[in-house]
Full PDB file with SEQRES, HELIX, SHEET, SSBOND, CRYST1, ORIGX, SCALE, CONECT and MASTER records, all heavy atoms in Angstrom:
SEQRES   1 A   43  LEU ARG PRO GLU GLY THR VAL VAL GLU MET SER TRP TYR          
SEQRES   2 A   43  GLY ASP ARG GLU VAL SER VAL PRO LEU GLY ALA GLY PHE          
SEQRES   3 A   43  HIS SER GLY ARG LEU ALA ILE ARG ALA SER GLN VAL GLY          
SEQRES   4 A   43  MET VAL ALA PRO                                              
SHEET    1 AA1 2 THR A   6  GLU A   9  0                                        
SHEET    2 AA1 2 ALA A  32  ALA A  35  1                                        
CRYST1    1.000    1.000    1.000  90.00  90.00  90.00 P 1           1          
ORIGX1      1.000000  0.000000  0.000000        0.00000                         
ORIGX2      0.000000  1.000000  0.000000        0.00000                         
ORIGX3      0.000000  0.000000  1.000000        0.00000                         
SCALE1      1.000000  0.000000  0.000000        0.00000                         
SCALE2      0.000000  1.000000  0.000000        0.00000                         
SCALE3      0.000000  0.000000  1.000000        0.00000                         
ATOM      1  N   LEU A   1       0.808  -1.223   0.000  1.00  0.00           N  
ATOM      2  CA  LEU A   1       0.000   0.000   0.000  1.00  0.00           C  
ATOM      3  C   LEU A   1       0.839   1.270   0.000  1.00  0.00           C  
ATOM      4  O   LEU A   1       1.919   1.322   0.573  1.00  0.00           O  
ATOM      5  CB  LEU A   1      -0.907   0.029   1.225  1.00  0.00           C  
ATOM      6  CG  LEU A   1      -2.062  -0.955   1.280  1.00  0.00           C  
ATOM      7  CD1 LEU A   1      -2.777  -0.839   2.617  1.00  0.00           C  
ATOM      8  CD2 LEU A   1      -3.045  -0.728   0.130  1.00  0.00           C  
ATOM      9  N   ARG A   2       0.290   2.310  -0.596  1.00  0.00           N  
ATOM     10  CA  ARG A   2       0.806   3.668  -0.402  1.00  0.00           C  
ATOM     11  C   ARG A   2       0.290   4.177   0.944  1.00  0.00           C  
ATOM     12  O   ARG A   2      -0.599   3.567   1.543  1.00  0.00           O  
ATOM     13  CB  ARG A   2       0.305   4.573  -1.516  1.00  0.00           C  
ATOM     14  CG  ARG A   2      -1.227   4.699  -1.549  1.00  0.00           C  
ATOM     15  CD  ARG A   2      -1.666   5.953  -2.284  1.00  0.00           C  
ATOM     16  NE  ARG A   2      -3.103   5.983  -2.483  1.00  0.00           N  
ATOM     17  CZ  ARG A   2      -4.002   6.351  -1.571  1.00  0.00           C  
ATOM     18  NH1 ARG A   2      -3.617   6.677  -0.337  1.00  0.00           N  
ATOM     19  NH2 ARG A   2      -5.288   6.388  -1.869  1.00  0.00           N  
ATOM     20  N   PRO A   3       0.828   5.294   1.447  1.00  0.00           N  
ATOM     21  CA  PRO A   3       0.258   5.872   2.666  1.00  0.00           C  
ATOM     22  C   PRO A   3      -1.246   6.133   2.508  1.00  0.00           C  
ATOM     23  O   PRO A   3      -1.700   6.603   1.461  1.00  0.00           O  
ATOM     24  CB  PRO A   3       1.037   7.191   2.835  1.00  0.00           C  
ATOM     25  CG  PRO A   3       2.350   6.901   2.180  1.00  0.00           C  
ATOM     26  CD  PRO A   3       2.032   6.033   1.003  1.00  0.00           C  
ATOM     27  N   GLU A   4      -2.009   5.784   3.535  1.00  0.00           N  
ATOM     28  CA  GLU A   4      -3.460   5.936   3.583  1.00  0.00           C  
ATOM     29  C   GLU A   4      -4.183   5.033   2.580  1.00  0.00           C  
ATOM     30  O   GLU A   4      -5.335   5.278   2.241  1.00  0.00           O  
ATOM     31  CB  GLU A   4      -3.877   7.401   3.425  1.00  0.00           C  
ATOM     32  CG  GLU A   4      -3.304   8.292   4.526  1.00  0.00           C  
ATOM     33  CD  GLU A   4      -3.905   9.682   4.572  1.00  0.00           C  
ATOM     34  OE1 GLU A   4      -4.366  10.166   3.528  1.00  0.00           O  
ATOM     35  OE2 GLU A   4      -3.898  10.269   5.666  1.00  0.00           O  
ATOM     36  N   GLY A   5      -3.520   3.983   2.131  1.00  0.00           N  
ATOM     37  CA  GLY A   5      -4.158   2.999   1.272  1.00  0.00           C  
ATOM     38  C   GLY A   5      -4.973   2.002   2.085  1.00  0.00           C  
ATOM     39  O   GLY A   5      -4.901   1.957   3.319  1.00  0.00           O  
ATOM     40  N   THR A   6      -5.757   1.182   1.377  1.00  0.00           N  
ATOM     41  CA  THR A   6      -6.680   0.254   2.032  1.00  0.00           C  
ATOM     42  C   THR A   6      -6.500  -1.170   1.512  1.00  0.00           C  
ATOM     43  O   THR A   6      -6.388  -1.381   0.303  1.00  0.00           O  
ATOM     44  CB  THR A   6      -8.144   0.679   1.788  1.00  0.00           C  
ATOM     45  OG1 THR A   6      -8.361   1.965   2.373  1.00  0.00           O  
ATOM     46  CG2 THR A   6      -9.122  -0.315   2.392  1.00  0.00           C  
ATOM     47  N   VAL A   7      -6.466  -2.126   2.445  1.00  0.00           N  
ATOM     48  CA  VAL A   7      -6.562  -3.544   2.104  1.00  0.00           C  
ATOM     49  C   VAL A   7      -7.998  -3.988   2.347  1.00  0.00           C  
ATOM     50  O   VAL A   7      -8.544  -3.780   3.435  1.00  0.00           O  
ATOM     51  CB  VAL A   7      -5.606  -4.406   2.961  1.00  0.00           C  
ATOM     52  CG1 VAL A   7      -5.951  -5.897   2.809  1.00  0.00           C  
ATOM     53  CG2 VAL A   7      -4.166  -4.169   2.555  1.00  0.00           C  
ATOM     54  N   VAL A   8      -8.609  -4.580   1.332  1.00  0.00           N  
ATOM     55  CA  VAL A   8      -9.933  -5.187   1.468  1.00  0.00           C  
ATOM     56  C   VAL A   8      -9.715  -6.678   1.709  1.00  0.00           C  
ATOM     57  O   VAL A   8      -9.238  -7.392   0.829  1.00  0.00           O  
ATOM     58  CB  VAL A   8     -10.804  -4.954   0.220  1.00  0.00           C  
ATOM     59  CG1 VAL A   8     -12.173  -5.606   0.398  1.00  0.00           C  
ATOM     60  CG2 VAL A   8     -10.944  -3.464  -0.062  1.00  0.00           C  
ATOM     61  N   GLU A   9     -10.006  -7.131   2.918  1.00  0.00           N  
ATOM     62  CA  GLU A   9      -9.758  -8.515   3.315  1.00  0.00           C  
ATOM     63  C   GLU A   9     -10.962  -9.373   2.937  1.00  0.00           C  
ATOM     64  O   GLU A   9     -12.060  -9.237   3.485  1.00  0.00           O  
ATOM     65  CB  GLU A   9      -9.494  -8.587   4.813  1.00  0.00           C  
ATOM     66  CG  GLU A   9      -9.306 -10.005   5.342  1.00  0.00           C  
ATOM     67  CD  GLU A   9      -8.186 -10.761   4.642  1.00  0.00           C  
ATOM     68  OE1 GLU A   9      -8.465 -11.363   3.592  1.00  0.00           O  
ATOM     69  OE2 GLU A   9      -7.053 -10.741   5.151  1.00  0.00           O  
ATOM     70  N   MET A  10     -10.747 -10.277   1.956  1.00  0.00           N  
ATOM     71  CA  MET A  10     -11.813 -11.147   1.468  1.00  0.00           C  
ATOM     72  C   MET A  10     -11.621 -12.598   1.883  1.00  0.00           C  
ATOM     73  O   MET A  10     -12.473 -13.440   1.600  1.00  0.00           O  
ATOM     74  CB  MET A  10     -11.886 -11.061  -0.063  1.00  0.00           C  
ATOM     75  CG  MET A  10     -12.103  -9.660  -0.594  1.00  0.00           C  
ATOM     76  SD  MET A  10     -12.242  -9.639  -2.392  1.00  0.00           S  
ATOM     77  CE  MET A  10     -13.795 -10.500  -2.607  1.00  0.00           C  
ATOM     78  N   SER A  11     -10.505 -12.907   2.527  1.00  0.00           N  
ATOM     79  CA  SER A  11     -10.190 -14.295   2.859  1.00  0.00           C  
ATOM     80  C   SER A  11     -11.047 -14.794   4.018  1.00  0.00           C  
ATOM     81  O   SER A  11     -11.396 -14.043   4.925  1.00  0.00           O  
ATOM     82  CB  SER A  11      -8.712 -14.429   3.237  1.00  0.00           C  
ATOM     83  OG  SER A  11      -7.878 -14.044   2.174  1.00  0.00           O  
ATOM     84  N   TRP A  12     -11.347 -16.083   3.962  1.00  0.00           N  
ATOM     85  CA  TRP A  12     -12.033 -16.750   5.074  1.00  0.00           C  
ATOM     86  C   TRP A  12     -11.049 -17.771   5.635  1.00  0.00           C  
ATOM     87  O   TRP A  12     -10.640 -18.707   4.951  1.00  0.00           O  
ATOM     88  CB  TRP A  12     -13.302 -17.407   4.588  1.00  0.00           C  
ATOM     89  CG  TRP A  12     -13.972 -18.330   5.558  1.00  0.00           C  
ATOM     90  CD1 TRP A  12     -14.243 -19.651   5.378  1.00  0.00           C  
ATOM     91  CD2 TRP A  12     -14.450 -18.009   6.861  1.00  0.00           C  
ATOM     92  NE1 TRP A  12     -14.861 -20.174   6.483  1.00  0.00           N  
ATOM     93  CE2 TRP A  12     -14.997 -19.191   7.414  1.00  0.00           C  
ATOM     94  CE3 TRP A  12     -14.453 -16.843   7.634  1.00  0.00           C  
ATOM     95  CZ2 TRP A  12     -15.543 -19.235   8.689  1.00  0.00           C  
ATOM     96  CZ3 TRP A  12     -15.000 -16.882   8.895  1.00  0.00           C  
ATOM     97  CH2 TRP A  12     -15.546 -18.066   9.406  1.00  0.00           C  
ATOM     98  N   TYR A  13     -10.660 -17.607   6.889  1.00  0.00           N  
ATOM     99  CA  TYR A  13      -9.615 -18.416   7.493  1.00  0.00           C  
ATOM    100  C   TYR A  13     -10.145 -19.594   8.307  1.00  0.00           C  
ATOM    101  O   TYR A  13      -9.360 -20.386   8.828  1.00  0.00           O  
ATOM    102  CB  TYR A  13      -8.736 -17.544   8.401  1.00  0.00           C  
ATOM    103  CG  TYR A  13      -8.017 -16.445   7.658  1.00  0.00           C  
ATOM    104  CD1 TYR A  13      -8.553 -15.170   7.592  1.00  0.00           C  
ATOM    105  CD2 TYR A  13      -6.808 -16.694   7.010  1.00  0.00           C  
ATOM    106  CE1 TYR A  13      -7.902 -14.149   6.906  1.00  0.00           C  
ATOM    107  CE2 TYR A  13      -6.147 -15.680   6.326  1.00  0.00           C  
ATOM    108  CZ  TYR A  13      -6.701 -14.411   6.282  1.00  0.00           C  
ATOM    109  OH  TYR A  13      -6.047 -13.410   5.601  1.00  0.00           O  
ATOM    110  N   GLY A  14     -11.458 -19.703   8.442  1.00  0.00           N  
ATOM    111  CA  GLY A  14     -12.003 -20.810   9.220  1.00  0.00           C  
ATOM    112  C   GLY A  14     -11.582 -20.727  10.667  1.00  0.00           C  
ATOM    113  O   GLY A  14     -11.750 -19.703  11.325  1.00  0.00           O  
ATOM    114  N   ASP A  15     -10.984 -21.808  11.186  1.00  0.00           N  
ATOM    115  CA  ASP A  15     -10.590 -21.843  12.596  1.00  0.00           C  
ATOM    116  C   ASP A  15      -9.123 -21.467  12.815  1.00  0.00           C  
ATOM    117  O   ASP A  15      -8.594 -21.642  13.907  1.00  0.00           O  
ATOM    118  CB  ASP A  15     -10.871 -23.224  13.191  1.00  0.00           C  
ATOM    119  CG  ASP A  15     -10.158 -24.348  12.436  1.00  0.00           C  
ATOM    120  OD1 ASP A  15      -9.444 -24.054  11.450  1.00  0.00           O  
ATOM    121  OD2 ASP A  15     -10.332 -25.513  12.827  1.00  0.00           O  
ATOM    122  N   ARG A  16      -8.465 -20.934  11.777  1.00  0.00           N  
ATOM    123  CA  ARG A  16      -7.061 -20.545  11.931  1.00  0.00           C  
ATOM    124  C   ARG A  16      -6.939 -19.127  12.475  1.00  0.00           C  
ATOM    125  O   ARG A  16      -7.684 -18.239  12.075  1.00  0.00           O  
ATOM    126  CB  ARG A  16      -6.341 -20.610  10.580  1.00  0.00           C  
ATOM    127  CG  ARG A  16      -6.078 -22.014  10.067  1.00  0.00           C  
ATOM    128  CD  ARG A  16      -5.406 -21.960   8.708  1.00  0.00           C  
ATOM    129  NE  ARG A  16      -6.296 -21.418   7.702  1.00  0.00           N  
ATOM    130  CZ  ARG A  16      -5.913 -20.673   6.664  1.00  0.00           C  
ATOM    131  NH1 ARG A  16      -4.640 -20.351   6.523  1.00  0.00           N  
ATOM    132  NH2 ARG A  16      -6.786 -20.241   5.779  1.00  0.00           N  
ATOM    133  N   GLU A  17      -5.980 -18.907  13.380  1.00  0.00           N  
ATOM    134  CA  GLU A  17      -5.675 -17.571  13.867  1.00  0.00           C  
ATOM    135  C   GLU A  17      -4.616 -16.945  12.967  1.00  0.00           C  
ATOM    136  O   GLU A  17      -3.682 -17.615  12.527  1.00  0.00           O  
ATOM    137  CB  GLU A  17      -5.186 -17.622  15.310  1.00  0.00           C  
ATOM    138  CG  GLU A  17      -6.268 -18.052  16.298  1.00  0.00           C  
ATOM    139  CD  GLU A  17      -5.825 -17.874  17.742  1.00  0.00           C  
ATOM    140  OE1 GLU A  17      -4.683 -17.382  17.952  1.00  0.00           O  
ATOM    141  OE2 GLU A  17      -6.602 -18.229  18.632  1.00  0.00           O  
ATOM    142  N   VAL A  18      -4.774 -15.646  12.706  1.00  0.00           N  
ATOM    143  CA  VAL A  18      -3.877 -14.940  11.800  1.00  0.00           C  
ATOM    144  C   VAL A  18      -3.323 -13.711  12.516  1.00  0.00           C  
ATOM    145  O   VAL A  18      -4.071 -12.940  13.123  1.00  0.00           O  
ATOM    146  CB  VAL A  18      -4.623 -14.506  10.524  1.00  0.00           C  
ATOM    147  CG1 VAL A  18      -3.716 -13.667   9.630  1.00  0.00           C  
ATOM    148  CG2 VAL A  18      -5.129 -15.734   9.760  1.00  0.00           C  
ATOM    149  N   SER A  19      -2.004 -13.538  12.443  1.00  0.00           N  
ATOM    150  CA  SER A  19      -1.362 -12.357  13.025  1.00  0.00           C  
ATOM    151  C   SER A  19      -1.314 -11.231  11.994  1.00  0.00           C  
ATOM    152  O   SER A  19      -0.937 -11.458  10.842  1.00  0.00           O  
ATOM    153  CB  SER A  19       0.061 -12.685  13.481  1.00  0.00           C  
ATOM    154  OG  SER A  19       0.035 -13.657  14.519  1.00  0.00           O  
ATOM    155  N   VAL A  20      -1.693 -10.037  12.415  1.00  0.00           N  
ATOM    156  CA  VAL A  20      -1.692  -8.876  11.528  1.00  0.00           C  
ATOM    157  C   VAL A  20      -0.621  -7.904  12.021  1.00  0.00           C  
ATOM    158  O   VAL A  20      -0.627  -7.513  13.190  1.00  0.00           O  
ATOM    159  CB  VAL A  20      -3.065  -8.169  11.521  1.00  0.00           C  
ATOM    160  CG1 VAL A  20      -3.054  -6.992  10.552  1.00  0.00           C  
ATOM    161  CG2 VAL A  20      -4.161  -9.147  11.151  1.00  0.00           C  
ATOM    162  N   PRO A  21       0.326  -7.508  11.157  1.00  0.00           N  
ATOM    163  CA  PRO A  21       1.401  -6.602  11.586  1.00  0.00           C  
ATOM    164  C   PRO A  21       0.917  -5.161  11.717  1.00  0.00           C  
ATOM    165  O   PRO A  21       0.871  -4.412  10.742  1.00  0.00           O  
ATOM    166  CB  PRO A  21       2.443  -6.747  10.470  1.00  0.00           C  
ATOM    167  CG  PRO A  21       1.636  -7.109   9.255  1.00  0.00           C  
ATOM    168  CD  PRO A  21       0.490  -7.927   9.755  1.00  0.00           C  
ATOM    169  N   LEU A  22       0.554  -4.781  12.913  1.00  0.00           N  
ATOM    170  CA  LEU A  22       0.053  -3.432  13.155  1.00  0.00           C  
ATOM    171  C   LEU A  22       1.130  -2.509  13.719  1.00  0.00           C  
ATOM    172  O   LEU A  22       0.831  -1.373  14.105  1.00  0.00           O  
ATOM    173  CB  LEU A  22      -1.150  -3.476  14.114  1.00  0.00           C  
ATOM    174  CG  LEU A  22      -2.334  -4.311  13.639  1.00  0.00           C  
ATOM    175  CD1 LEU A  22      -3.473  -4.222  14.645  1.00  0.00           C  
ATOM    176  CD2 LEU A  22      -2.804  -3.862  12.259  1.00  0.00           C  
ATOM    177  N   GLY A  23       2.383  -2.989  13.749  1.00  0.00           N  
ATOM    178  CA  GLY A  23       3.500  -2.137  14.155  1.00  0.00           C  
ATOM    179  C   GLY A  23       4.120  -1.488  12.935  1.00  0.00           C  
ATOM    180  O   GLY A  23       3.462  -1.259  11.921  1.00  0.00           O  
ATOM    181  N   ALA A  24       5.424  -1.235  13.015  1.00  0.00           N  
ATOM    182  CA  ALA A  24       6.192  -0.648  11.903  1.00  0.00           C  
ATOM    183  C   ALA A  24       5.438   0.554  11.325  1.00  0.00           C  
ATOM    184  O   ALA A  24       5.090   1.484  12.040  1.00  0.00           O  
ATOM    185  CB  ALA A  24       6.478  -1.707  10.845  1.00  0.00           C  
ATOM    186  N   GLY A  25       5.154   0.531  10.016  1.00  0.00           N  
ATOM    187  CA  GLY A  25       4.556   1.700   9.372  1.00  0.00           C  
ATOM    188  C   GLY A  25       3.047   1.690   9.298  1.00  0.00           C  
ATOM    189  O   GLY A  25       2.466   2.530   8.598  1.00  0.00           O  
ATOM    190  N   PHE A  26       2.388   0.785  10.015  1.00  0.00           N  
ATOM    191  CA  PHE A  26       0.922   0.697   9.894  1.00  0.00           C  
ATOM    192  C   PHE A  26       0.258   2.006  10.332  1.00  0.00           C  
ATOM    193  O   PHE A  26      -0.560   2.578   9.605  1.00  0.00           O  
ATOM    194  CB  PHE A  26       0.375  -0.467  10.711  1.00  0.00           C  
ATOM    195  CG  PHE A  26      -1.114  -0.633  10.600  1.00  0.00           C  
ATOM    196  CD1 PHE A  26      -1.677  -1.265   9.508  1.00  0.00           C  
ATOM    197  CD2 PHE A  26      -1.955  -0.123  11.585  1.00  0.00           C  
ATOM    198  CE1 PHE A  26      -3.055  -1.405   9.387  1.00  0.00           C  
ATOM    199  CE2 PHE A  26      -3.339  -0.264  11.483  1.00  0.00           C  
ATOM    200  CZ  PHE A  26      -3.882  -0.904  10.382  1.00  0.00           C  
ATOM    201  N   HIS A  27       0.624   2.507  11.512  1.00  0.00           N  
ATOM    202  CA  HIS A  27      -0.028   3.720  12.018  1.00  0.00           C  
ATOM    203  C   HIS A  27       0.520   4.979  11.343  1.00  0.00           C  
ATOM    204  O   HIS A  27      -0.253   5.882  10.991  1.00  0.00           O  
ATOM    205  CB  HIS A  27       0.116   3.816  13.538  1.00  0.00           C  
ATOM    206  CG  HIS A  27      -0.772   2.853  14.268  1.00  0.00           C  
ATOM    207  ND1 HIS A  27      -2.123   3.038  14.398  1.00  0.00           N  
ATOM    208  CD2 HIS A  27      -0.498   1.680  14.885  1.00  0.00           C  
ATOM    209  CE1 HIS A  27      -2.651   2.035  15.075  1.00  0.00           C  
ATOM    210  NE2 HIS A  27      -1.683   1.187  15.376  1.00  0.00           N  
ATOM    211  N   SER A  28       1.834   5.056  11.159  1.00  0.00           N  
ATOM    212  CA  SER A  28       2.394   6.258  10.535  1.00  0.00           C  
ATOM    213  C   SER A  28       1.908   6.402   9.096  1.00  0.00           C  
ATOM    214  O   SER A  28       1.759   7.518   8.589  1.00  0.00           O  
ATOM    215  CB  SER A  28       3.925   6.208  10.572  1.00  0.00           C  
ATOM    216  OG  SER A  28       4.417   5.098   9.837  1.00  0.00           O  
ATOM    217  N   GLY A  29       1.652   5.259   8.439  1.00  0.00           N  
ATOM    218  CA  GLY A  29       1.123   5.297   7.088  1.00  0.00           C  
ATOM    219  C   GLY A  29      -0.384   5.426   7.023  1.00  0.00           C  
ATOM    220  O   GLY A  29      -0.951   5.530   5.930  1.00  0.00           O  
ATOM    221  N   ARG A  30      -1.047   5.406   8.193  1.00  0.00           N  
ATOM    222  CA  ARG A  30      -2.499   5.517   8.281  1.00  0.00           C  
ATOM    223  C   ARG A  30      -3.186   4.505   7.350  1.00  0.00           C  
ATOM    224  O   ARG A  30      -4.096   4.830   6.590  1.00  0.00           O  
ATOM    225  CB  ARG A  30      -2.959   6.943   7.963  1.00  0.00           C  
ATOM    226  CG  ARG A  30      -2.459   7.976   8.969  1.00  0.00           C  
ATOM    227  CD  ARG A  30      -2.885   9.395   8.594  1.00  0.00           C  
ATOM    228  NE  ARG A  30      -4.339   9.487   8.465  1.00  0.00           N  
ATOM    229  CZ  ARG A  30      -5.175   9.701   9.494  1.00  0.00           C  
ATOM    230  NH1 ARG A  30      -4.683   9.814  10.738  1.00  0.00           N  
ATOM    231  NH2 ARG A  30      -6.457   9.817   9.285  1.00  0.00           N  
ATOM    232  N   LEU A  31      -2.710   3.262   7.420  1.00  0.00           N  
ATOM    233  CA  LEU A  31      -3.251   2.215   6.566  1.00  0.00           C  
ATOM    234  C   LEU A  31      -4.590   1.711   7.114  1.00  0.00           C  
ATOM    235  O   LEU A  31      -4.898   1.874   8.304  1.00  0.00           O  
ATOM    236  CB  LEU A  31      -2.268   1.049   6.461  1.00  0.00           C  
ATOM    237  CG  LEU A  31      -0.860   1.407   5.980  1.00  0.00           C  
ATOM    238  CD1 LEU A  31       0.000   0.151   5.887  1.00  0.00           C  
ATOM    239  CD2 LEU A  31      -0.903   2.141   4.646  1.00  0.00           C  
ATOM    240  N   ALA A  32      -5.372   1.097   6.248  1.00  0.00           N  
ATOM    241  CA  ALA A  32      -6.688   0.599   6.646  1.00  0.00           C  
ATOM    242  C   ALA A  32      -6.867  -0.834   6.181  1.00  0.00           C  
ATOM    243  O   ALA A  32      -6.385  -1.217   5.106  1.00  0.00           O  
ATOM    244  CB  ALA A  32      -7.799   1.478   6.077  1.00  0.00           C  
ATOM    245  N   ILE A  33      -7.548  -1.632   7.002  1.00  0.00           N  
ATOM    246  CA  ILE A  33      -7.953  -2.982   6.619  1.00  0.00           C  
ATOM    247  C   ILE A  33      -9.472  -3.040   6.727  1.00  0.00           C  
ATOM    248  O   ILE A  33     -10.036  -2.726   7.779  1.00  0.00           O  
ATOM    249  CB  ILE A  33      -7.340  -4.058   7.532  1.00  0.00           C  
ATOM    250  CG1 ILE A  33      -5.825  -3.978   7.514  1.00  0.00           C  
ATOM    251  CG2 ILE A  33      -7.797  -5.449   7.088  1.00  0.00           C  
ATOM    252  CD1 ILE A  33      -5.152  -4.906   8.506  1.00  0.00           C  
ATOM    253  N   ARG A  34     -10.111  -3.411   5.644  1.00  0.00           N  
ATOM    254  CA  ARG A  34     -11.571  -3.439   5.606  1.00  0.00           C  
ATOM    255  C   ARG A  34     -12.049  -4.837   5.262  1.00  0.00           C  
ATOM    256  O   ARG A  34     -11.594  -5.441   4.289  1.00  0.00           O  
ATOM    257  CB  ARG A  34     -12.094  -2.442   4.576  1.00  0.00           C  
ATOM    258  CG  ARG A  34     -13.606  -2.432   4.465  1.00  0.00           C  
ATOM    259  CD  ARG A  34     -14.094  -1.272   3.647  1.00  0.00           C  
ATOM    260  NE  ARG A  34     -15.544  -1.183   3.686  1.00  0.00           N  
ATOM    261  CZ  ARG A  34     -16.235  -0.130   3.285  1.00  0.00           C  
ATOM    262  NH1 ARG A  34     -15.598   0.929   2.818  1.00  0.00           N  
ATOM    263  NH2 ARG A  34     -17.547  -0.116   3.352  1.00  0.00           N  
ATOM    264  N   ALA A  35     -12.965  -5.374   6.059  1.00  0.00           N  
ATOM    265  CA  ALA A  35     -13.526  -6.693   5.783  1.00  0.00           C  
ATOM    266  C   ALA A  35     -14.592  -6.592   4.704  1.00  0.00           C  
ATOM    267  O   ALA A  35     -15.350  -5.622   4.630  1.00  0.00           O  
ATOM    268  CB  ALA A  35     -14.133  -7.281   7.059  1.00  0.00           C  
ATOM    269  N   SER A  36     -14.655  -7.625   3.852  1.00  0.00           N  
ATOM    270  CA  SER A  36     -15.721  -7.747   2.867  1.00  0.00           C  
ATOM    271  C   SER A  36     -16.197  -9.184   2.869  1.00  0.00           C  
ATOM    272  O   SER A  36     -15.389 -10.115   2.779  1.00  0.00           O  
ATOM    273  CB  SER A  36     -15.218  -7.360   1.468  1.00  0.00           C  
ATOM    274  OG  SER A  36     -16.262  -7.448   0.526  1.00  0.00           O  
ATOM    275  N   GLN A  37     -17.493  -9.374   2.991  1.00  0.00           N  
ATOM    276  CA  GLN A  37     -18.055 -10.724   3.066  1.00  0.00           C  
ATOM    277  C   GLN A  37     -19.402 -10.721   2.383  1.00  0.00           C  
ATOM    278  O   GLN A  37     -20.193  -9.786   2.536  1.00  0.00           O  
ATOM    279  CB  GLN A  37     -18.179 -11.157   4.533  1.00  0.00           C  
ATOM    280  CG  GLN A  37     -18.173 -12.666   4.753  1.00  0.00           C  
ATOM    281  CD  GLN A  37     -19.553 -13.280   4.644  1.00  0.00           C  
ATOM    282  OE1 GLN A  37     -20.551 -12.602   4.767  1.00  0.00           O  
ATOM    283  NE2 GLN A  37     -19.594 -14.585   4.409  1.00  0.00           N  
ATOM    284  N   VAL A  38     -19.672 -11.771   1.592  1.00  0.00           N  
ATOM    285  CA  VAL A  38     -20.836 -11.780   0.714  1.00  0.00           C  
ATOM    286  C   VAL A  38     -22.142 -12.086   1.443  1.00  0.00           C  
ATOM    287  O   VAL A  38     -23.218 -11.964   0.864  1.00  0.00           O  
ATOM    288  CB  VAL A  38     -20.587 -12.792  -0.438  1.00  0.00           C  
ATOM    289  CG1 VAL A  38     -20.716 -14.229   0.081  1.00  0.00           C  
ATOM    290  CG2 VAL A  38     -21.503 -12.535  -1.621  1.00  0.00           C  
ATOM    291  N   GLY A  39     -22.080 -12.465   2.723  1.00  0.00           N  
ATOM    292  CA  GLY A  39     -23.284 -12.839   3.458  1.00  0.00           C  
ATOM    293  C   GLY A  39     -24.313 -11.730   3.568  1.00  0.00           C  
ATOM    294  O   GLY A  39     -25.493 -11.998   3.781  1.00  0.00           O  
ATOM    295  N   MET A  40     -23.873 -10.471   3.452  1.00  0.00           N  
ATOM    296  CA  MET A  40     -24.783  -9.331   3.447  1.00  0.00           C  
ATOM    297  C   MET A  40     -24.441  -8.440   2.264  1.00  0.00           C  
ATOM    298  O   MET A  40     -23.285  -8.375   1.833  1.00  0.00           O  
ATOM    299  CB  MET A  40     -24.679  -8.524   4.747  1.00  0.00           C  
ATOM    300  CG  MET A  40     -25.049  -9.301   5.994  1.00  0.00           C  
ATOM    301  SD  MET A  40     -24.959  -8.287   7.497  1.00  0.00           S  
ATOM    302  CE  MET A  40     -26.381  -7.199   7.238  1.00  0.00           C  
ATOM    303  N   VAL A  41     -25.430  -7.757   1.705  1.00  0.00           N  
ATOM    304  CA  VAL A  41     -25.174  -6.792   0.645  1.00  0.00           C  
ATOM    305  C   VAL A  41     -24.359  -5.648   1.241  1.00  0.00           C  
ATOM    306  O   VAL A  41     -24.626  -5.182   2.351  1.00  0.00           O  
ATOM    307  CB  VAL A  41     -26.490  -6.261   0.044  1.00  0.00           C  
ATOM    308  CG1 VAL A  41     -26.223  -5.160  -0.977  1.00  0.00           C  
ATOM    309  CG2 VAL A  41     -27.267  -7.403  -0.605  1.00  0.00           C  
ATOM    310  N   ALA A  42     -23.336  -5.211   0.513  1.00  0.00           N  
ATOM    311  CA  ALA A  42     -22.449  -4.153   1.000  1.00  0.00           C  
ATOM    312  C   ALA A  42     -23.254  -2.923   1.419  1.00  0.00           C  
ATOM    313  O   ALA A  42     -24.252  -2.571   0.775  1.00  0.00           O  
ATOM    314  CB  ALA A  42     -21.442  -3.780  -0.080  1.00  0.00           C  
ATOM    315  N   PRO A  43     -22.844  -2.249   2.505  1.00  0.00           N  
ATOM    316  CA  PRO A  43     -23.593  -1.083   2.998  1.00  0.00           C  
ATOM    317  C   PRO A  43     -23.872  -0.024   1.930  1.00  0.00           C  
ATOM    318  O   PRO A  43     -24.928   0.600   1.939  1.00  0.00           O  
ATOM    319  CB  PRO A  43     -22.692  -0.530   4.109  1.00  0.00           C  
ATOM    320  CG  PRO A  43     -21.929  -1.718   4.597  1.00  0.00           C  
ATOM    321  CD  PRO A  43     -21.697  -2.575   3.381  1.00  0.00           C  
TER     322      PRO A  43                                                      
MASTER        0    0    0    0    2    0    0    6  321    1    0    4          
END                                                                             
């Protein structure tokens, strides 16, 4: 991502735990992670 870019998370991990790197440049870059799931029509 560029600064202030967005990741749209579409993966379904089931029962697996996933670590997300929220250190380093995540906050200084003002990055965003947005969930998307087909179970509901997008807002």
